[in-house]
Amino acid sequence: MLSSSFFTAIGKAAKGALLALTRQVFFLIPLILVLPLRFGILGVLFAGPLADFSAFILSIILVTQE
């Protein structure tokens, strides 16, 4: 969330919007659909932390490139 605000503040709103949508839309929804097929109810429980971690890695990559 902080990196999304960072990009918005420096005038790169597209990257900020990308990071804002990353966790909820790009990572969480597919993981909620895929992980239960393999892990059952635990897959649903693991989807949130895994989406957070994936969004964290993406934000680190984008901030270090900036």
PDB file of N, CA and C in Angstrom:
ATOM      1  N   MET A   1       0.826  -1.185   0.000  1.00  0.00           N
ATOM      2  CA  MET A   1       0.000   0.000   0.000  1.00  0.00           C
ATOM      3  C   MET A   1       0.876   1.257   0.000  1.00  0.00           C
ATOM      4  N   LEU A   2       1.944   1.206   0.743  1.00  0.00           N
ATOM      5  CA  LEU A   2       2.843   2.359   0.804  1.00  0.00           C
ATOM      6  C   LEU A   2       3.507   2.614  -0.540  1.00  0.00           C
ATOM      7  N   SER A   3       3.892   1.564  -1.229  1.00  0.00           N
ATOM      8  CA  SER A   3       4.529   1.752  -2.532  1.00  0.00           C
ATOM      9  C   SER A   3       3.537   2.293  -3.559  1.00  0.00           C
ATOM     10  N   SER A   4       2.274   1.919  -3.443  1.00  0.00           N
ATOM     11  CA  SER A   4       1.247   2.475  -4.322  1.00  0.00           C
ATOM     12  C   SER A   4       1.122   3.982  -4.113  1.00  0.00           C
ATOM     13  N   SER A   5       1.136   4.409  -2.875  1.00  0.00           N
ATOM     14  CA  SER A   5       1.078   5.840  -2.568  1.00  0.00           C
ATOM     15  C   SER A   5       2.345   6.558  -3.037  1.00  0.00           C
ATOM     16  N   PHE A   6       3.479   5.880  -2.931  1.00  0.00           N
ATOM     17  CA  PHE A   6       4.741   6.452  -3.390  1.00  0.00           C
ATOM     18  C   PHE A   6       4.682   6.789  -4.875  1.00  0.00           C
ATOM     19  N   PHE A   7       4.238   5.832  -5.685  1.00  0.00           N
ATOM     20  CA  PHE A   7       4.182   6.070  -7.123  1.00  0.00           C
ATOM     21  C   PHE A   7       3.157   7.135  -7.478  1.00  0.00           C
ATOM     22  N   THR A   8       2.069   7.184  -6.776  1.00  0.00           N
ATOM     23  CA  THR A   8       1.080   8.224  -7.024  1.00  0.00           C
ATOM     24  C   THR A   8       1.646   9.594  -6.676  1.00  0.00           C
ATOM     25  N   ALA A   9       2.414   9.668  -5.596  1.00  0.00           N
ATOM     26  CA  ALA A   9       2.982  10.943  -5.163  1.00  0.00           C
ATOM     27  C   ALA A   9       4.051  11.473  -6.113  1.00  0.00           C
ATOM     28  N   ILE A  10       4.792  10.586  -6.747  1.00  0.00           N
ATOM     29  CA  ILE A  10       5.835  11.064  -7.663  1.00  0.00           C
ATOM     30  C   ILE A  10       5.321  11.243  -9.084  1.00  0.00           C
ATOM     31  N   GLY A  11       4.023  11.088  -9.272  1.00  0.00           N
ATOM     32  CA  GLY A  11       3.425  11.367 -10.576  1.00  0.00           C
ATOM     33  C   GLY A  11       3.343  10.180 -11.510  1.00  0.00           C
ATOM     34  N   LYS A  12       3.515   8.990 -10.989  1.00  0.00           N
ATOM     35  CA  LYS A  12       3.401   7.783 -11.819  1.00  0.00           C
ATOM     36  C   LYS A  12       2.172   7.002 -11.358  1.00  0.00           C
ATOM     37  N   ALA A  13       1.029   7.570 -11.695  1.00  0.00           N
ATOM     38  CA  ALA A  13      -0.242   7.021 -11.214  1.00  0.00           C
ATOM     39  C   ALA A  13      -0.533   5.643 -11.793  1.00  0.00           C
ATOM     40  N   ALA A  14      -0.046   5.358 -12.982  1.00  0.00           N
ATOM     41  CA  ALA A  14      -0.303   4.039 -13.582  1.00  0.00           C
ATOM     42  C   ALA A  14       0.345   2.931 -12.761  1.00  0.00           C
ATOM     43  N   LYS A  15       1.588   3.146 -12.339  1.00  0.00           N
ATOM     44  CA  LYS A  15       2.247   2.147 -11.496  1.00  0.00           C
ATOM     45  C   LYS A  15       1.578   2.069 -10.131  1.00  0.00           C
ATOM     46  N   GLY A  16       1.130   3.199  -9.620  1.00  0.00           N
ATOM     47  CA  GLY A  16       0.425   3.199  -8.343  1.00  0.00           C
ATOM     48  C   GLY A  16      -0.881   2.429  -8.415  1.00  0.00           C
ATOM     49  N   ALA A  17      -1.613   2.614  -9.494  1.00  0.00           N
ATOM     50  CA  ALA A  17      -2.871   1.882  -9.670  1.00  0.00           C
ATOM     51  C   ALA A  17      -2.602   0.396  -9.869  1.00  0.00           C
ATOM     52  N   LEU A  18      -1.548   0.065 -10.609  1.00  0.00           N
ATOM     53  CA  LEU A  18      -1.187  -1.332 -10.797  1.00  0.00           C
ATOM     54  C   LEU A  18      -0.913  -2.009  -9.462  1.00  0.00           C
ATOM     55  N   LEU A  19      -0.139  -1.355  -8.620  1.00  0.00           N
ATOM     56  CA  LEU A  19       0.177  -1.947  -7.320  1.00  0.00           C
ATOM     57  C   LEU A  19      -1.043  -2.006  -6.411  1.00  0.00           C
ATOM     58  N   ALA A  20      -1.938  -1.047  -6.533  1.00  0.00           N
ATOM     59  CA  ALA A  20      -3.142  -1.075  -5.707  1.00  0.00           C
ATOM     60  C   ALA A  20      -4.046  -2.246  -6.085  1.00  0.00           C
ATOM     61  N   LEU A  21      -4.093  -2.568  -7.362  1.00  0.00           N
ATOM     62  CA  LEU A  21      -4.947  -3.661  -7.831  1.00  0.00           C
ATOM     63  C   LEU A  21      -4.267  -5.019  -7.762  1.00  0.00           C
ATOM     64  N   THR A  22      -2.971  -5.028  -7.619  1.00  0.00           N
ATOM     65  CA  THR A  22      -2.218  -6.269  -7.695  1.00  0.00           C
ATOM     66  C   THR A  22      -2.688  -7.303  -6.688  1.00  0.00           C
ATOM     67  N   ARG A  23      -2.761  -6.945  -5.419  1.00  0.00           N
ATOM     68  CA  ARG A  23      -3.097  -7.935  -4.408  1.00  0.00           C
ATOM     69  C   ARG A  23      -4.518  -8.444  -4.558  1.00  0.00           C
ATOM     70  N   GLN A  24      -5.473  -7.539  -4.657  1.00  0.00           N
ATOM     71  CA  GLN A  24      -6.878  -7.939  -4.652  1.00  0.00           C
ATOM     72  C   GLN A  24      -7.333  -8.590  -5.951  1.00  0.00           C
ATOM     73  N   VAL A  25      -6.871  -8.096  -7.079  1.00  0.00           N
ATOM     74  CA  VAL A  25      -7.407  -8.554  -8.359  1.00  0.00           C
ATOM     75  C   VAL A  25      -6.473  -9.540  -9.057  1.00  0.00           C
ATOM     76  N   PHE A  26      -5.223  -9.173  -9.219  1.00  0.00           N
ATOM     77  CA  PHE A  26      -4.325  -9.976 -10.041  1.00  0.00           C
ATOM     78  C   PHE A  26      -3.795 -11.218  -9.338  1.00  0.00           C
ATOM     79  N   PHE A  27      -3.663 -11.180  -8.021  1.00  0.00           N
ATOM     80  CA  PHE A  27      -3.129 -12.332  -7.308  1.00  0.00           C
ATOM     81  C   PHE A  27      -4.192 -13.075  -6.496  1.00  0.00           C
ATOM     82  N   LEU A  28      -4.992 -12.369  -5.723  1.00  0.00           N
ATOM     83  CA  LEU A  28      -5.893 -13.030  -4.787  1.00  0.00           C
ATOM     84  C   LEU A  28      -6.988 -13.836  -5.480  1.00  0.00           C
ATOM     85  N   ILE A  29      -7.656 -13.269  -6.447  1.00  0.00           N
ATOM     86  CA  ILE A  29      -8.763 -13.981  -7.108  1.00  0.00           C
ATOM     87  C   ILE A  29      -8.283 -15.252  -7.808  1.00  0.00           C
ATOM     88  N   PRO A  30      -7.218 -15.203  -8.614  1.00  0.00           N
ATOM     89  CA  PRO A  30      -6.761 -16.468  -9.215  1.00  0.00           C
ATOM     90  C   PRO A  30      -6.307 -17.501  -8.180  1.00  0.00           C
ATOM     91  N   LEU A  31      -5.641 -17.036  -7.118  1.00  0.00           N
ATOM     92  CA  LEU A  31      -5.194 -17.980  -6.102  1.00  0.00           C
ATOM     93  C   LEU A  31      -6.370 -18.620  -5.367  1.00  0.00           C
ATOM     94  N   ILE A  32      -7.418 -17.860  -5.112  1.00  0.00           N
ATOM     95  CA  ILE A  32      -8.600 -18.418  -4.454  1.00  0.00           C
ATOM     96  C   ILE A  32      -9.268 -19.456  -5.353  1.00  0.00           C
ATOM     97  N   LEU A  33      -9.161 -19.292  -6.641  1.00  0.00           N
ATOM     98  CA  LEU A  33      -9.762 -20.248  -7.563  1.00  0.00           C
ATOM     99  C   LEU A  33      -8.897 -21.494  -7.786  1.00  0.00           C
ATOM    100  N   VAL A  34      -7.580 -21.335  -7.732  1.00  0.00           N
ATOM    101  CA  VAL A  34      -6.684 -22.437  -8.071  1.00  0.00           C
ATOM    102  C   VAL A  34      -6.253 -23.265  -6.859  1.00  0.00           C
ATOM    103  N   LEU A  35      -5.877 -22.609  -5.779  1.00  0.00           N
ATOM    104  CA  LEU A  35      -5.324 -23.338  -4.637  1.00  0.00           C
ATOM    105  C   LEU A  35      -6.286 -24.336  -3.994  1.00  0.00           C
ATOM    106  N   PRO A  36      -7.578 -24.075  -3.895  1.00  0.00           N
ATOM    107  CA  PRO A  36      -8.463 -25.085  -3.304  1.00  0.00           C
ATOM    108  C   PRO A  36      -8.543 -26.384  -4.107  1.00  0.00           C
ATOM    109  N   LEU A  37      -8.257 -26.324  -5.388  1.00  0.00           N
ATOM    110  CA  LEU A  37      -8.262 -27.544  -6.188  1.00  0.00           C
ATOM    111  C   LEU A  37      -7.175 -28.509  -5.733  1.00  0.00           C
ATOM    112  N   ARG A  38      -6.088 -27.953  -5.256  1.00  0.00           N
ATOM    113  CA  ARG A  38      -4.954 -28.775  -4.824  1.00  0.00           C
ATOM    114  C   ARG A  38      -4.947 -29.026  -3.316  1.00  0.00           C
ATOM    115  N   PHE A  39      -5.289 -27.983  -2.522  1.00  0.00           N
ATOM    116  CA  PHE A  39      -5.144 -28.075  -1.075  1.00  0.00           C
ATOM    117  C   PHE A  39      -6.463 -28.049  -0.309  1.00  0.00           C
ATOM    118  N   GLY A  40      -7.573 -27.975  -0.985  1.00  0.00           N
ATOM    119  CA  GLY A  40      -8.870 -27.931  -0.308  1.00  0.00           C
ATOM    120  C   GLY A  40      -9.077 -26.600   0.404  1.00  0.00           C
ATOM    121  N   ILE A  41      -9.679 -26.658   1.586  1.00  0.00           N
ATOM    122  CA  ILE A  41      -9.976 -25.429   2.341  1.00  0.00           C
ATOM    123  C   ILE A  41      -8.697 -24.708   2.764  1.00  0.00           C
ATOM    124  N   LEU A  42      -7.620 -25.441   2.955  1.00  0.00           N
ATOM    125  CA  LEU A  42      -6.341 -24.795   3.286  1.00  0.00           C
ATOM    126  C   LEU A  42      -5.857 -23.911   2.144  1.00  0.00           C
ATOM    127  N   GLY A  43      -6.205 -24.257   0.920  1.00  0.00           N
ATOM    128  CA  GLY A  43      -5.846 -23.429  -0.223  1.00  0.00           C
ATOM    129  C   GLY A  43      -6.477 -22.057  -0.149  1.00  0.00           C
ATOM    130  N   VAL A  44      -7.712 -21.994   0.323  1.00  0.00           N
ATOM    131  CA  VAL A  44      -8.376 -20.698   0.501  1.00  0.00           C
ATOM    132  C   VAL A  44      -7.677 -19.900   1.586  1.00  0.00           C
ATOM    133  N   LEU A  45      -7.280 -20.582   2.661  1.00  0.00           N
ATOM    134  CA  LEU A  45      -6.594 -19.889   3.754  1.00  0.00           C
ATOM    135  C   LEU A  45      -5.206 -19.406   3.348  1.00  0.00           C
ATOM    136  N   PHE A  46      -4.534 -20.152   2.499  1.00  0.00           N
ATOM    137  CA  PHE A  46      -3.192 -19.769   2.053  1.00  0.00           C
ATOM    138  C   PHE A  46      -3.212 -18.708   0.960  1.00  0.00           C
ATOM    139  N   ALA A  47      -4.333 -18.505   0.310  1.00  0.00           N
ATOM    140  CA  ALA A  47      -4.409 -17.569  -0.815  1.00  0.00           C
ATOM    141  C   ALA A  47      -4.109 -16.137  -0.376  1.00  0.00           C
ATOM    142  N   GLY A  48      -4.627 -15.706   0.752  1.00  0.00           N
ATOM    143  CA  GLY A  48      -4.400 -14.335   1.228  1.00  0.00           C
ATOM    144  C   GLY A  48      -2.936 -14.023   1.490  1.00  0.00           C
ATOM    145  N   PRO A  49      -2.271 -14.812   2.341  1.00  0.00           N
ATOM    146  CA  PRO A  49      -0.847 -14.537   2.585  1.00  0.00           C
ATOM    147  C   PRO A  49       0.022 -14.674   1.339  1.00  0.00           C
ATOM    148  N   LEU A  50      -0.305 -15.621   0.489  1.00  0.00           N
ATOM    149  CA  LEU A  50       0.472 -15.777  -0.738  1.00  0.00           C
ATOM    150  C   LEU A  50       0.279 -14.593  -1.677  1.00  0.00           C
ATOM    151  N   ALA A  51      -0.931 -14.059  -1.749  1.00  0.00           N
ATOM    152  CA  ALA A  51      -1.186 -12.862  -2.559  1.00  0.00           C
ATOM    153  C   ALA A  51      -0.455 -11.655  -1.977  1.00  0.00           C
ATOM    154  N   ASP A  52      -0.446 -11.535  -0.653  1.00  0.00           N
ATOM    155  CA  ASP A  52       0.300 -10.446  -0.015  1.00  0.00           C
ATOM    156  C   ASP A  52       1.788 -10.537  -0.330  1.00  0.00           C
ATOM    157  N   PHE A  53       2.340 -11.727  -0.215  1.00  0.00           N
ATOM    158  CA  PHE A  53       3.770 -11.910  -0.474  1.00  0.00           C
ATOM    159  C   PHE A  53       4.107 -11.613  -1.933  1.00  0.00           C
ATOM    160  N   SER A  54       3.268 -12.057  -2.850  1.00  0.00           N
ATOM    161  CA  SER A  54       3.504 -11.800  -4.271  1.00  0.00           C
ATOM    162  C   SER A  54       3.440 -10.308  -4.585  1.00  0.00           C
ATOM    163  N   ALA A  55       2.471  -9.617  -3.995  1.00  0.00           N
ATOM    164  CA  ALA A  55       2.365  -8.169  -4.200  1.00  0.00           C
ATOM    165  C   ALA A  55       3.565  -7.448  -3.579  1.00  0.00           C
ATOM    166  N   PHE A  56       4.047  -7.945  -2.458  1.00  0.00           N
ATOM    167  CA  PHE A  56       5.225  -7.374  -1.813  1.00  0.00           C
ATOM    168  C   PHE A  56       6.451  -7.505  -2.710  1.00  0.00           C
ATOM    169  N   ILE A  57       6.657  -8.673  -3.298  1.00  0.00           N
ATOM    170  CA  ILE A  57       7.794  -8.890  -4.191  1.00  0.00           C
ATOM    171  C   ILE A  57       7.698  -7.974  -5.414  1.00  0.00           C
ATOM    172  N   LEU A  58       6.502  -7.857  -5.984  1.00  0.00           N
ATOM    173  CA  LEU A  58       6.325  -6.971  -7.142  1.00  0.00           C
ATOM    174  C   LEU A  58       6.606  -5.515  -6.774  1.00  0.00           C
ATOM    175  N   SER A  59       6.154  -5.089  -5.599  1.00  0.00           N
ATOM    176  CA  SER A  59       6.403  -3.700  -5.198  1.00  0.00           C
ATOM    177  C   SER A  59       7.887  -3.448  -4.957  1.00  0.00           C
ATOM    178  N   ILE A  60       8.598  -4.427  -4.413  1.00  0.00           N
ATOM    179  CA  ILE A  60      10.046  -4.277  -4.237  1.00  0.00           C
ATOM    180  C   ILE A  60      10.730  -4.122  -5.595  1.00  0.00           C
ATOM    181  N   ILE A  61      10.320  -4.925  -6.544  1.00  0.00           N
ATOM    182  CA  ILE A  61      10.917  -4.849  -7.884  1.00  0.00           C
ATOM    183  C   ILE A  61      10.665  -3.487  -8.511  1.00  0.00           C
ATOM    184  N   LEU A  62       9.426  -3.011  -8.442  1.00  0.00           N
ATOM    185  CA  LEU A  62       9.102  -1.721  -9.071  1.00  0.00           C
ATOM    186  C   LEU A  62       9.778  -0.544  -8.366  1.00  0.00           C
ATOM    187  N   VAL A  63       9.852  -0.586  -7.042  1.00  0.00           N
ATOM    188  CA  VAL A  63      10.483   0.526  -6.308  1.00  0.00           C
ATOM    189  C   VAL A  63      11.981   0.542  -6.556  1.00  0.00           C
ATOM    190  N   THR A  64      12.626  -0.618  -6.610  1.00  0.00           N
ATOM    191  CA  THR A  64      14.070  -0.615  -6.856  1.00  0.00           C
ATOM    192  C   THR A  64      14.399  -0.176  -8.285  1.00  0.00           C
ATOM    193  N   GLN A  65      13.519  -0.450  -9.229  1.00  0.00           N
ATOM    194  CA  GLN A  65      13.741   0.036 -10.592  1.00  0.00           C
ATOM    195  C   GLN A  65      13.591   1.552 -10.667  1.00  0.00           C
ATOM    196  N   GLU A  66      12.736   2.091  -9.831  1.00  0.00           N
ATOM    197  CA  GLU A  66      12.505   3.537  -9.839  1.00  0.00           C
ATOM    198  C   GLU A  66      13.705   4.223  -9.229  1.00  0.00           C
TER     199      GLU A  66
END
